């Protein structure tokens, strides 16, 4: 199963990337501090709830969107959370780019195609 071997090699390469190291560094700092962890988890819960509403066809109210914006603004006032969110974004973008490369190289067509 050569493909699994290559996937393991990709994991090793990812772990050597500075983007991953920065993400892990800031993640550890956030989750080591109960106040920061709770702030981040509250933000994620709110994001998840708004996303869940969208998936069920409900539009989020302006008040809910404003609440999320305020949570983000409040969270980003803390330098550790701010750095974590920035590192998380860079890491997520890298992972999405990798997924795009794979999807482009191995397109999967739906049953209608």
PDB file of N, CA and C in Angstrom:
ATOM      1  N   UNK A   1       0.831  -1.185   0.000  1.00  0.00           N
ATOM      2  CA  UNK A   1       0.000   0.000   0.000  1.00  0.00           C
ATOM      3  C   UNK A   1       0.879   1.254   0.000  1.00  0.00           C
ATOM      4  N   UNK A   2       1.405   1.554  -1.111  1.00  0.00           N
ATOM      5  CA  UNK A   2       2.325   2.677  -1.269  1.00  0.00           C
ATOM      6  C   UNK A   2       1.666   4.020  -0.938  1.00  0.00           C
ATOM      7  N   UNK A   3       0.398   4.163  -1.208  1.00  0.00           N
ATOM      8  CA  UNK A   3      -0.277   5.433  -0.956  1.00  0.00           C
ATOM      9  C   UNK A   3      -0.285   5.760   0.544  1.00  0.00           C
ATOM     10  N   UNK A   4      -0.435   4.750   1.384  1.00  0.00           N
ATOM     11  CA  UNK A   4      -0.413   4.981   2.830  1.00  0.00           C
ATOM     12  C   UNK A   4       0.989   5.380   3.296  1.00  0.00           C
ATOM     13  N   UNK A   5       1.960   4.788   2.674  1.00  0.00           N
ATOM     14  CA  UNK A   5       3.344   5.154   2.985  1.00  0.00           C
ATOM     15  C   UNK A   5       3.598   6.620   2.624  1.00  0.00           C
ATOM     16  N   UNK A   6       3.104   7.044   1.486  1.00  0.00           N
ATOM     17  CA  UNK A   6       3.255   8.437   1.066  1.00  0.00           C
ATOM     18  C   UNK A   6       2.489   9.378   2.009  1.00  0.00           C
ATOM     19  N   UNK A   7       1.345   8.940   2.474  1.00  0.00           N
ATOM     20  CA  UNK A   7       0.581   9.754   3.425  1.00  0.00           C
ATOM     21  C   UNK A   7       1.372   9.939   4.722  1.00  0.00           C
ATOM     22  N   UNK A   8       2.018   8.877   5.176  1.00  0.00           N
ATOM     23  CA  UNK A   8       2.860   8.986   6.375  1.00  0.00           C
ATOM     24  C   UNK A   8       4.047   9.921   6.137  1.00  0.00           C
ATOM     25  N   UNK A   9       4.606   9.871   4.936  1.00  0.00           N
ATOM     26  CA  UNK A   9       5.701  10.778   4.586  1.00  0.00           C
ATOM     27  C   UNK A   9       5.209  12.232   4.594  1.00  0.00           C
ATOM     28  N   UNK A  10       3.993  12.451   4.113  1.00  0.00           N
ATOM     29  CA  UNK A  10       3.413  13.783   4.125  1.00  0.00           C
ATOM     30  C   UNK A  10       3.251  14.283   5.558  1.00  0.00           C
ATOM     31  N   UNK A  11       2.824  13.417   6.451  1.00  0.00           N
ATOM     32  CA  UNK A  11       2.693  13.786   7.863  1.00  0.00           C
ATOM     33  C   UNK A  11       4.045  14.215   8.426  1.00  0.00           C
ATOM     34  N   UNK A  12       5.068  13.475   8.139  1.00  0.00           N
ATOM     35  CA  UNK A  12       6.417  13.822   8.615  1.00  0.00           C
ATOM     36  C   UNK A  12       6.814  15.192   8.058  1.00  0.00           C
ATOM     37  N   UNK A  13       6.563  15.421   6.765  1.00  0.00           N
ATOM     38  CA  UNK A  13       6.914  16.700   6.145  1.00  0.00           C
ATOM     39  C   UNK A  13       6.105  17.843   6.766  1.00  0.00           C
ATOM     40  N   UNK A  14       4.821  17.610   7.015  1.00  0.00           N
ATOM     41  CA  UNK A  14       3.981  18.642   7.636  1.00  0.00           C
ATOM     42  C   UNK A  14       4.509  19.027   9.017  1.00  0.00           C
ATOM     43  N   UNK A  15       4.900  18.036   9.779  1.00  0.00           N
ATOM     44  CA  UNK A  15       5.392  18.292  11.137  1.00  0.00           C
ATOM     45  C   UNK A  15       6.710  19.058  11.134  1.00  0.00           C
ATOM     46  N   UNK A  16       7.402  19.067  10.014  1.00  0.00           N
ATOM     47  CA  UNK A  16       8.662  19.798   9.899  1.00  0.00           C
ATOM     48  C   UNK A  16       8.449  21.241   9.428  1.00  0.00           C
ATOM     49  N   UNK A  17       7.235  21.563   9.045  1.00  0.00           N
ATOM     50  CA  UNK A  17       6.926  22.901   8.546  1.00  0.00           C
ATOM     51  C   UNK A  17       6.826  23.898   9.696  1.00  0.00           C
ATOM     52  N   UNK A  18       7.366  25.075   9.472  1.00  0.00           N
ATOM     53  CA  UNK A  18       7.290  26.134  10.481  1.00  0.00           C
ATOM     54  C   UNK A  18       5.841  26.516  10.776  1.00  0.00           C
ATOM     55  N   UNK A  19       4.996  26.493   9.773  1.00  0.00           N
ATOM     56  CA  UNK A  19       3.576  26.827   9.954  1.00  0.00           C
ATOM     57  C   UNK A  19       2.948  25.902  10.988  1.00  0.00           C
ATOM     58  N   UNK A  20       3.245  24.616  10.898  1.00  0.00           N
ATOM     59  CA  UNK A  20       2.710  23.641  11.854  1.00  0.00           C
ATOM     60  C   UNK A  20       3.296  23.880  13.241  1.00  0.00           C
ATOM     61  N   UNK A  21       4.596  24.113  13.321  1.00  0.00           N
ATOM     62  CA  UNK A  21       5.251  24.329  14.613  1.00  0.00           C
ATOM     63  C   UNK A  21       4.674  25.549  15.325  1.00  0.00           C
ATOM     64  N   UNK A  22       4.442  26.618  14.584  1.00  0.00           N
ATOM     65  CA  UNK A  22       3.848  27.830  15.168  1.00  0.00           C
ATOM     66  C   UNK A  22       2.436  27.554  15.664  1.00  0.00           C
ATOM     67  N   UNK A  23       1.662  26.843  14.863  1.00  0.00           N
ATOM     68  CA  UNK A  23       0.293  26.499  15.251  1.00  0.00           C
ATOM     69  C   UNK A  23       0.289  25.711  16.559  1.00  0.00           C
ATOM     70  N   UNK A  24       1.122  24.688  16.643  1.00  0.00           N
ATOM     71  CA  UNK A  24       1.188  23.843  17.846  1.00  0.00           C
ATOM     72  C   UNK A  24       1.658  24.653  19.048  1.00  0.00           C
ATOM     73  N   UNK A  25       2.649  25.507  18.851  1.00  0.00           N
ATOM     74  CA  UNK A  25       3.166  26.332  19.942  1.00  0.00           C
ATOM     75  C   UNK A  25       2.058  27.195  20.551  1.00  0.00           C
ATOM     76  N   UNK A  26       1.318  27.910  19.710  1.00  0.00           N
ATOM     77  CA  UNK A  26       0.266  28.793  20.205  1.00  0.00           C
ATOM     78  C   UNK A  26      -0.914  28.001  20.742  1.00  0.00           C
ATOM     79  N   UNK A  27      -1.215  26.866  20.127  1.00  0.00           N
ATOM     80  CA  UNK A  27      -2.309  26.019  20.603  1.00  0.00           C
ATOM     81  C   UNK A  27      -2.027  25.544  22.025  1.00  0.00           C
ATOM     82  N   UNK A  28      -0.804  25.115  22.273  1.00  0.00           N
ATOM     83  CA  UNK A  28      -0.431  24.660  23.612  1.00  0.00           C
ATOM     84  C   UNK A  28      -0.591  25.779  24.634  1.00  0.00           C
ATOM     85  N   UNK A  29      -0.186  26.987  24.251  1.00  0.00           N
ATOM     86  CA  UNK A  29      -0.295  28.105  25.181  1.00  0.00           C
ATOM     87  C   UNK A  29      -1.752  28.426  25.502  1.00  0.00           C
ATOM     88  N   UNK A  30      -2.601  28.404  24.497  1.00  0.00           N
ATOM     89  CA  UNK A  30      -4.022  28.691  24.722  1.00  0.00           C
ATOM     90  C   UNK A  30      -4.642  27.625  25.615  1.00  0.00           C
ATOM     91  N   UNK A  31      -4.387  26.369  25.314  1.00  0.00           N
ATOM     92  CA  UNK A  31      -5.046  25.296  26.058  1.00  0.00           C
ATOM     93  C   UNK A  31      -4.417  25.047  27.427  1.00  0.00           C
ATOM     94  N   UNK A  32      -3.262  25.632  27.687  1.00  0.00           N
ATOM     95  CA  UNK A  32      -2.640  25.510  29.008  1.00  0.00           C
ATOM     96  C   UNK A  32      -3.203  26.534  30.000  1.00  0.00           C
ATOM     97  N   UNK A  33      -3.853  27.558  29.483  1.00  0.00           N
ATOM     98  CA  UNK A  33      -4.404  28.618  30.337  1.00  0.00           C
ATOM     99  C   UNK A  33      -5.927  28.513  30.340  1.00  0.00           C
ATOM    100  N   UNK A  34      -6.531  28.125  31.460  1.00  0.00           N
ATOM    101  CA  UNK A  34      -7.986  27.916  31.502  1.00  0.00           C
ATOM    102  C   UNK A  34      -8.815  29.099  30.971  1.00  0.00           C
ATOM    103  N   UNK A  35      -8.421  30.313  31.291  1.00  0.00           N
ATOM    104  CA  UNK A  35      -9.188  31.472  30.824  1.00  0.00           C
ATOM    105  C   UNK A  35      -9.123  31.600  29.306  1.00  0.00           C
ATOM    106  N   UNK A  36      -7.939  31.408  28.734  1.00  0.00           N
ATOM    107  CA  UNK A  36      -7.786  31.498  27.281  1.00  0.00           C
ATOM    108  C   UNK A  36      -8.520  30.361  26.588  1.00  0.00           C
ATOM    109  N   UNK A  37      -8.404  29.191  27.155  1.00  0.00           N
ATOM    110  CA  UNK A  37      -9.085  28.021  26.588  1.00  0.00           C
ATOM    111  C   UNK A  37     -10.591  28.254  26.557  1.00  0.00           C
ATOM    112  N   UNK A  38     -11.156  28.745  27.652  1.00  0.00           N
ATOM    113  CA  UNK A  38     -12.601  28.970  27.709  1.00  0.00           C
ATOM    114  C   UNK A  38     -13.022  30.068  26.734  1.00  0.00           C
ATOM    115  N   UNK A  39     -12.209  31.105  26.608  1.00  0.00           N
ATOM    116  CA  UNK A  39     -12.511  32.170  25.649  1.00  0.00           C
ATOM    117  C   UNK A  39     -12.564  31.613  24.235  1.00  0.00           C
ATOM    118  N   UNK A  40     -11.564  30.816  23.878  1.00  0.00           N
ATOM    119  CA  UNK A  40     -11.524  30.224  22.543  1.00  0.00           C
ATOM    120  C   UNK A  40     -12.688  29.266  22.327  1.00  0.00           C
ATOM    121  N   UNK A  41     -12.976  28.428  23.311  1.00  0.00           N
ATOM    122  CA  UNK A  41     -14.065  27.461  23.162  1.00  0.00           C
ATOM    123  C   UNK A  41     -15.421  28.166  23.057  1.00  0.00           C
ATOM    124  N   UNK A  42     -15.613  29.254  23.771  1.00  0.00           N
ATOM    125  CA  UNK A  42     -16.854  30.023  23.662  1.00  0.00           C
ATOM    126  C   UNK A  42     -17.000  30.585  22.253  1.00  0.00           C
ATOM    127  N   UNK A  43     -15.905  31.080  21.715  1.00  0.00           N
ATOM    128  CA  UNK A  43     -15.906  31.591  20.351  1.00  0.00           C
ATOM    129  C   UNK A  43     -16.256  30.480  19.368  1.00  0.00           C
ATOM    130  N   UNK A  44     -15.651  29.331  19.528  1.00  0.00           N
ATOM    131  CA  UNK A  44     -15.922  28.192  18.631  1.00  0.00           C
ATOM    132  C   UNK A  44     -17.369  27.705  18.753  1.00  0.00           C
ATOM    133  N   UNK A  45     -17.898  27.688  19.971  1.00  0.00           N
ATOM    134  CA  UNK A  45     -19.302  27.270  20.145  1.00  0.00           C
ATOM    135  C   UNK A  45     -20.234  28.208  19.389  1.00  0.00           C
ATOM    136  N   UNK A  46     -19.966  29.495  19.491  1.00  0.00           N
ATOM    137  CA  UNK A  46     -20.805  30.481  18.804  1.00  0.00           C
ATOM    138  C   UNK A  46     -20.685  30.319  17.289  1.00  0.00           C
ATOM    139  N   UNK A  47     -19.478  30.137  16.798  1.00  0.00           N
ATOM    140  CA  UNK A  47     -19.267  29.908  15.360  1.00  0.00           C
ATOM    141  C   UNK A  47     -20.025  28.662  14.907  1.00  0.00           C
ATOM    142  N   UNK A  48     -19.892  27.601  15.681  1.00  0.00           N
ATOM    143  CA  UNK A  48     -20.540  26.338  15.331  1.00  0.00           C
ATOM    144  C   UNK A  48     -22.052  26.502  15.282  1.00  0.00           C
ATOM    145  N   UNK A  49     -22.609  27.200  16.240  1.00  0.00           N
ATOM    146  CA  UNK A  49     -24.059  27.392  16.281  1.00  0.00           C
ATOM    147  C   UNK A  49     -24.541  28.177  15.067  1.00  0.00           C
ATOM    148  N   UNK A  50     -23.827  29.229  14.709  1.00  0.00           N
ATOM    149  CA  UNK A  50     -24.224  29.995  13.519  1.00  0.00           C
ATOM    150  C   UNK A  50     -24.097  29.152  12.253  1.00  0.00           C
ATOM    151  N   UNK A  51     -23.038  28.359  12.183  1.00  0.00           N
ATOM    152  CA  UNK A  51     -22.849  27.486  11.018  1.00  0.00           C
ATOM    153  C   UNK A  51     -23.956  26.425  10.954  1.00  0.00           C
ATOM    154  N   UNK A  52     -24.309  25.875  12.100  1.00  0.00           N
ATOM    155  CA  UNK A  52     -25.389  24.877  12.152  1.00  0.00           C
ATOM    156  C   UNK A  52     -26.697  25.478  11.652  1.00  0.00           C
ATOM    157  N   UNK A  53     -26.970  26.701  12.064  1.00  0.00           N
ATOM    158  CA  UNK A  53     -28.182  27.382  11.606  1.00  0.00           C
ATOM    159  C   UNK A  53     -28.179  27.539  10.089  1.00  0.00           C
ATOM    160  N   UNK A  54     -27.030  27.934   9.541  1.00  0.00           N
ATOM    161  CA  UNK A  54     -26.933  28.107   8.093  1.00  0.00           C
ATOM    162  C   UNK A  54     -27.172  26.793   7.362  1.00  0.00           C
ATOM    163  N   UNK A  55     -26.649  25.708   7.914  1.00  0.00           N
ATOM    164  CA  UNK A  55     -26.829  24.400   7.278  1.00  0.00           C
ATOM    165  C   UNK A  55     -28.282  23.953   7.288  1.00  0.00           C
ATOM    166  N   UNK A  56     -29.047  24.417   8.261  1.00  0.00           N
ATOM    167  CA  UNK A  56     -30.466  24.057   8.325  1.00  0.00           C
ATOM    168  C   UNK A  56     -31.336  25.063   7.584  1.00  0.00           C
ATOM    169  N   UNK A  57     -30.678  26.015   6.886  1.00  0.00           N
ATOM    170  CA  UNK A  57     -31.421  26.966   6.076  1.00  0.00           C
ATOM    171  C   UNK A  57     -31.859  28.219   6.806  1.00  0.00           C
ATOM    172  N   UNK A  58     -31.450  28.391   8.039  1.00  0.00           N
ATOM    173  CA  UNK A  58     -31.824  29.585   8.797  1.00  0.00           C
ATOM    174  C   UNK A  58     -30.715  30.623   8.669  1.00  0.00           C
ATOM    175  N   UNK A  59     -31.117  31.844   8.469  1.00  0.00           N
ATOM    176  CA  UNK A  59     -30.145  32.938   8.439  1.00  0.00           C
ATOM    177  C   UNK A  59     -29.894  33.423   9.853  1.00  0.00           C
ATOM    178  N   UNK A  60     -28.654  33.693  10.140  1.00  0.00           N
ATOM    179  CA  UNK A  60     -28.306  34.244  11.446  1.00  0.00           C
ATOM    180  C   UNK A  60     -28.794  35.684  11.504  1.00  0.00           C
ATOM    181  N   UNK A  61     -29.300  36.064  12.635  1.00  0.00           N
ATOM    182  CA  UNK A  61     -29.763  37.440  12.803  1.00  0.00           C
ATOM    183  C   UNK A  61     -28.563  38.377  12.868  1.00  0.00           C
ATOM    184  N   UNK A  62     -28.815  39.630  12.626  1.00  0.00           N
ATOM    185  CA  UNK A  62     -27.741  40.628  12.727  1.00  0.00           C
ATOM    186  C   UNK A  62     -27.186  40.655  14.151  1.00  0.00           C
ATOM    187  N   UNK A  63     -28.058  40.457  15.116  1.00  0.00           N
ATOM    188  CA  UNK A  63     -27.610  40.442  16.517  1.00  0.00           C
ATOM    189  C   UNK A  63     -26.634  39.289  16.765  1.00  0.00           C
ATOM    190  N   UNK A  64     -26.940  38.107  16.216  1.00  0.00           N
ATOM    191  CA  UNK A  64     -26.048  36.958  16.375  1.00  0.00           C
ATOM    192  C   UNK A  64     -24.707  37.190  15.677  1.00  0.00           C
ATOM    193  N   UNK A  65     -24.760  37.794  14.492  1.00  0.00           N
ATOM    194  CA  UNK A  65     -23.530  38.105  13.770  1.00  0.00           C
ATOM    195  C   UNK A  65     -22.703  39.140  14.532  1.00  0.00           C
ATOM    196  N   UNK A  66     -23.378  40.129  15.082  1.00  0.00           N
ATOM    197  CA  UNK A  66     -22.689  41.138  15.886  1.00  0.00           C
ATOM    198  C   UNK A  66     -22.064  40.521  17.126  1.00  0.00           C
ATOM    199  N   UNK A  67     -22.777  39.592  17.757  1.00  0.00           N
ATOM    200  CA  UNK A  67     -22.238  38.906  18.938  1.00  0.00           C
ATOM    201  C   UNK A  67     -20.955  38.158  18.581  1.00  0.00           C
ATOM    202  N   UNK A  68     -20.958  37.498  17.428  1.00  0.00           N
ATOM    203  CA  UNK A  68     -19.768  36.771  16.997  1.00  0.00           C
ATOM    204  C   UNK A  68     -18.621  37.741  16.722  1.00  0.00           C
ATOM    205  N   UNK A  69     -18.906  38.842  16.058  1.00  0.00           N
ATOM    206  CA  UNK A  69     -17.871  39.848  15.798  1.00  0.00           C
ATOM    207  C   UNK A  69     -17.289  40.374  17.105  1.00  0.00           C
ATOM    208  N   UNK A  70     -18.157  40.633  18.074  1.00  0.00           N
ATOM    209  CA  UNK A  70     -17.684  41.133  19.369  1.00  0.00           C
ATOM    210  C   UNK A  70     -16.835  40.085  20.080  1.00  0.00           C
ATOM    211  N   UNK A  71     -17.245  38.812  19.987  1.00  0.00           N
ATOM    212  CA  UNK A  71     -16.446  37.746  20.594  1.00  0.00           C
ATOM    213  C   UNK A  71     -15.058  37.689  19.963  1.00  0.00           C
ATOM    214  N   UNK A  72     -15.002  37.794  18.634  1.00  0.00           N
ATOM    215  CA  UNK A  72     -13.714  37.793  17.940  1.00  0.00           C
ATOM    216  C   UNK A  72     -12.860  38.972  18.376  1.00  0.00           C
ATOM    217  N   UNK A  73     -13.472  40.144  18.394  1.00  0.00           N
ATOM    218  CA  UNK A  73     -12.728  41.345  18.789  1.00  0.00           C
ATOM    219  C   UNK A  73     -12.191  41.205  20.208  1.00  0.00           C
ATOM    220  N   UNK A  74     -13.030  40.702  21.082  1.00  0.00           N
ATOM    221  CA  UNK A  74     -12.620  40.521  22.477  1.00  0.00           C
ATOM    222  C   UNK A  74     -11.497  39.487  22.585  1.00  0.00           C
ATOM    223  N   UNK A  75     -11.644  38.380  21.895  1.00  0.00           N
ATOM    224  CA  UNK A  75     -10.628  37.325  21.942  1.00  0.00           C
ATOM    225  C   UNK A  75      -9.300  37.830  21.382  1.00  0.00           C
ATOM    226  N   UNK A  76      -9.353  38.591  20.305  1.00  0.00           N
ATOM    227  CA  UNK A  76      -8.129  39.063  19.652  1.00  0.00           C
ATOM    228  C   UNK A  76      -7.402  40.140  20.450  1.00  0.00           C
ATOM    229  N   UNK A  77      -8.025  40.660  21.485  1.00  0.00           N
ATOM    230  CA  UNK A  77      -7.329  41.621  22.358  1.00  0.00           C
ATOM    231  C   UNK A  77      -6.241  40.928  23.169  1.00  0.00           C
ATOM    232  N   UNK A  78      -6.394  39.636  23.347  1.00  0.00           N
ATOM    233  CA  UNK A  78      -5.359  38.872  24.044  1.00  0.00           C
ATOM    234  C   UNK A  78      -4.317  38.449  23.012  1.00  0.00           C
ATOM    235  N   UNK A  79      -3.070  38.795  23.260  1.00  0.00           N
ATOM    236  CA  UNK A  79      -2.008  38.515  22.285  1.00  0.00           C
ATOM    237  C   UNK A  79      -1.833  37.028  21.997  1.00  0.00           C
ATOM    238  N   UNK A  80      -2.000  36.185  23.010  1.00  0.00           N
ATOM    239  CA  UNK A  80      -1.826  34.739  22.803  1.00  0.00           C
ATOM    240  C   UNK A  80      -2.928  34.199  21.898  1.00  0.00           C
ATOM    241  N   UNK A  81      -4.167  34.570  22.172  1.00  0.00           N
ATOM    242  CA  UNK A  81      -5.272  34.096  21.324  1.00  0.00           C
ATOM    243  C   UNK A  81      -5.133  34.668  19.915  1.00  0.00           C
ATOM    244  N   UNK A  82      -4.749  35.922  19.823  1.00  0.00           N
ATOM    245  CA  UNK A  82      -4.559  36.537  18.513  1.00  0.00           C
ATOM    246  C   UNK A  82      -3.521  35.762  17.706  1.00  0.00           C
ATOM    247  N   UNK A  83      -2.392  35.465  18.325  1.00  0.00           N
ATOM    248  CA  UNK A  83      -1.342  34.702  17.635  1.00  0.00           C
ATOM    249  C   UNK A  83      -1.828  33.299  17.286  1.00  0.00           C
ATOM    250  N   UNK A  84      -2.590  32.689  18.199  1.00  0.00           N
ATOM    251  CA  UNK A  84      -3.132  31.359  17.918  1.00  0.00           C
ATOM    252  C   UNK A  84      -4.056  31.402  16.701  1.00  0.00           C
ATOM    253  N   UNK A  85      -4.979  32.361  16.660  1.00  0.00           N
ATOM    254  CA  UNK A  85      -5.923  32.444  15.550  1.00  0.00           C
ATOM    255  C   UNK A  85      -5.202  32.683  14.228  1.00  0.00           C
ATOM    256  N   UNK A  86      -4.162  33.496  14.252  1.00  0.00           N
ATOM    257  CA  UNK A  86      -3.390  33.737  13.038  1.00  0.00           C
ATOM    258  C   UNK A  86      -2.640  32.477  12.600  1.00  0.00           C
ATOM    259  N   UNK A  87      -2.054  31.769  13.558  1.00  0.00           N
ATOM    260  CA  UNK A  87      -1.341  30.521  13.237  1.00  0.00           C
ATOM    261  C   UNK A  87      -2.317  29.454  12.752  1.00  0.00           C
ATOM    262  N   UNK A  88      -3.479  29.397  13.377  1.00  0.00           N
ATOM    263  CA  UNK A  88      -4.505  28.437  12.967  1.00  0.00           C
ATOM    264  C   UNK A  88      -4.945  28.715  11.532  1.00  0.00           C
ATOM    265  N   UNK A  89      -5.103  29.989  11.206  1.00  0.00           N
ATOM    266  CA  UNK A  89      -5.497  30.354   9.849  1.00  0.00           C
ATOM    267  C   UNK A  89      -4.444  29.896   8.831  1.00  0.00           C
ATOM    268  N   UNK A  90      -3.173  30.192   9.119  1.00  0.00           N
ATOM    269  CA  UNK A  90      -2.105  29.801   8.192  1.00  0.00           C
ATOM    270  C   UNK A  90      -2.044  28.281   8.030  1.00  0.00           C
ATOM    271  N   UNK A  91      -2.187  27.544   9.144  1.00  0.00           N
ATOM    272  CA  UNK A  91      -2.148  26.091   9.080  1.00  0.00           C
ATOM    273  C   UNK A  91      -3.348  25.554   8.288  1.00  0.00           C
ATOM    274  N   UNK A  92      -4.531  26.091   8.558  1.00  0.00           N
ATOM    275  CA  UNK A  92      -5.731  25.652   7.840  1.00  0.00           C
ATOM    276  C   UNK A  92      -5.618  25.930   6.349  1.00  0.00           C
ATOM    277  N   UNK A  93      -5.061  27.096   6.012  1.00  0.00           N
ATOM    278  CA  UNK A  93      -4.881  27.437   4.603  1.00  0.00           C
ATOM    279  C   UNK A  93      -3.928  26.456   3.934  1.00  0.00           C
ATOM    280  N   UNK A  94      -2.840  26.113   4.618  1.00  0.00           N
ATOM    281  CA  UNK A  94      -1.897  25.147   4.066  1.00  0.00           C
ATOM    282  C   UNK A  94      -2.596  23.800   3.828  1.00  0.00           C
ATOM    283  N   UNK A  95      -3.393  23.358   4.788  1.00  0.00           N
ATOM    284  CA  UNK A  95      -4.090  22.077   4.645  1.00  0.00           C
ATOM    285  C   UNK A  95      -5.106  22.124   3.491  1.00  0.00           C
ATOM    286  N   UNK A  96      -5.799  23.248   3.346  1.00  0.00           N
ATOM    287  CA  UNK A  96      -6.738  23.393   2.226  1.00  0.00           C
ATOM    288  C   UNK A  96      -6.004  23.387   0.888  1.00  0.00           C
ATOM    289  N   UNK A  97      -4.855  24.038   0.848  1.00  0.00           N
ATOM    290  CA  UNK A  97      -4.062  24.035  -0.384  1.00  0.00           C
ATOM    291  C   UNK A  97      -3.636  22.615  -0.754  1.00  0.00           C
ATOM    292  N   UNK A  98      -3.227  21.845   0.229  1.00  0.00           N
ATOM    293  CA  UNK A  98      -2.841  20.444  -0.013  1.00  0.00           C
ATOM    294  C   UNK A  98      -4.041  19.656  -0.527  1.00  0.00           C
ATOM    295  N   UNK A  99      -5.199  19.879   0.082  1.00  0.00           N
ATOM    296  CA  UNK A  99      -6.415  19.182  -0.360  1.00  0.00           C
ATOM    297  C   UNK A  99      -6.771  19.563  -1.796  1.00  0.00           C
ATOM    298  N   UNK A 100      -6.599  20.826  -2.154  1.00  0.00           N
ATOM    299  CA  UNK A 100      -6.871  21.267  -3.524  1.00  0.00           C
ATOM    300  C   UNK A 100      -5.943  20.574  -4.516  1.00  0.00           C
ATOM    301  N   UNK A 101      -4.679  20.447  -4.147  1.00  0.00           N
ATOM    302  CA  UNK A 101      -3.709  19.783  -5.015  1.00  0.00           C
ATOM    303  C   UNK A 101      -4.125  18.334  -5.249  1.00  0.00           C
ATOM    304  N   UNK A 102      -4.510  17.659  -4.185  1.00  0.00           N
ATOM    305  CA  UNK A 102      -4.936  16.255  -4.302  1.00  0.00           C
ATOM    306  C   UNK A 102      -6.210  16.162  -5.131  1.00  0.00           C
ATOM    307  N   UNK A 103      -7.187  17.023  -4.850  1.00  0.00           N
ATOM    308  CA  UNK A 103      -8.452  16.989  -5.594  1.00  0.00           C
ATOM    309  C   UNK A 103      -8.247  17.258  -7.077  1.00  0.00           C
ATOM    310  N   UNK A 104      -7.334  18.163  -7.404  1.00  0.00           N
ATOM    311  CA  UNK A 104      -7.077  18.466  -8.816  1.00  0.00           C
ATOM    312  C   UNK A 104      -6.399  17.292  -9.518  1.00  0.00           C
ATOM    313  N   UNK A 105      -5.548  16.584  -8.782  1.00  0.00           N
ATOM    314  CA  UNK A 105      -4.810  15.473  -9.381  1.00  0.00           C
ATOM    315  C   UNK A 105      -5.648  14.204  -9.484  1.00  0.00           C
ATOM    316  N   UNK A 106      -6.595  14.049  -8.586  1.00  0.00           N
ATOM    317  CA  UNK A 106      -7.426  12.846  -8.545  1.00  0.00           C
ATOM    318  C   UNK A 106      -8.895  13.261  -8.469  1.00  0.00           C
ATOM    319  N   UNK A 107      -9.431  13.792  -9.559  1.00  0.00           N
ATOM    320  CA  UNK A 107     -10.820  14.260  -9.527  1.00  0.00           C
ATOM    321  C   UNK A 107     -11.783  13.076  -9.362  1.00  0.00           C
ATOM    322  N   UNK A 108     -12.777  13.293  -8.555  1.00  0.00           N
ATOM    323  CA  UNK A 108     -13.815  12.280  -8.342  1.00  0.00           C
ATOM    324  C   UNK A 108     -15.110  12.857  -8.897  1.00  0.00           C
ATOM    325  N   UNK A 109     -15.702  12.126  -9.809  1.00  0.00           N
ATOM    326  CA  UNK A 109     -16.935  12.585 -10.417  1.00  0.00           C
ATOM    327  C   UNK A 109     -18.126  11.967  -9.694  1.00  0.00           C
ATOM    328  N   UNK A 110     -19.194  12.749  -9.653  1.00  0.00           N
ATOM    329  CA  UNK A 110     -20.423  12.278  -9.025  1.00  0.00           C
ATOM    330  C   UNK A 110     -21.158  11.307  -9.928  1.00  0.00           C
ATOM    331  N   UNK A 111     -22.228  10.693  -9.423  1.00  0.00           N
ATOM    332  CA  UNK A 111     -22.965   9.692 -10.195  1.00  0.00           C
ATOM    333  C   UNK A 111     -23.592  10.258 -11.474  1.00  0.00           C
ATOM    334  N   UNK A 112     -23.860  11.574 -11.503  1.00  0.00           N
ATOM    335  CA  UNK A 112     -24.465  12.152 -12.694  1.00  0.00           C
ATOM    336  C   UNK A 112     -23.477  12.393 -13.809  1.00  0.00           C
ATOM    337  N   UNK A 113     -22.171  12.251 -13.542  1.00  0.00           N
ATOM    338  CA  UNK A 113     -21.145  12.527 -14.558  1.00  0.00           C
ATOM    339  C   UNK A 113     -20.667  11.261 -15.182  1.00  0.00           C
TER     340      UNK A 113
END
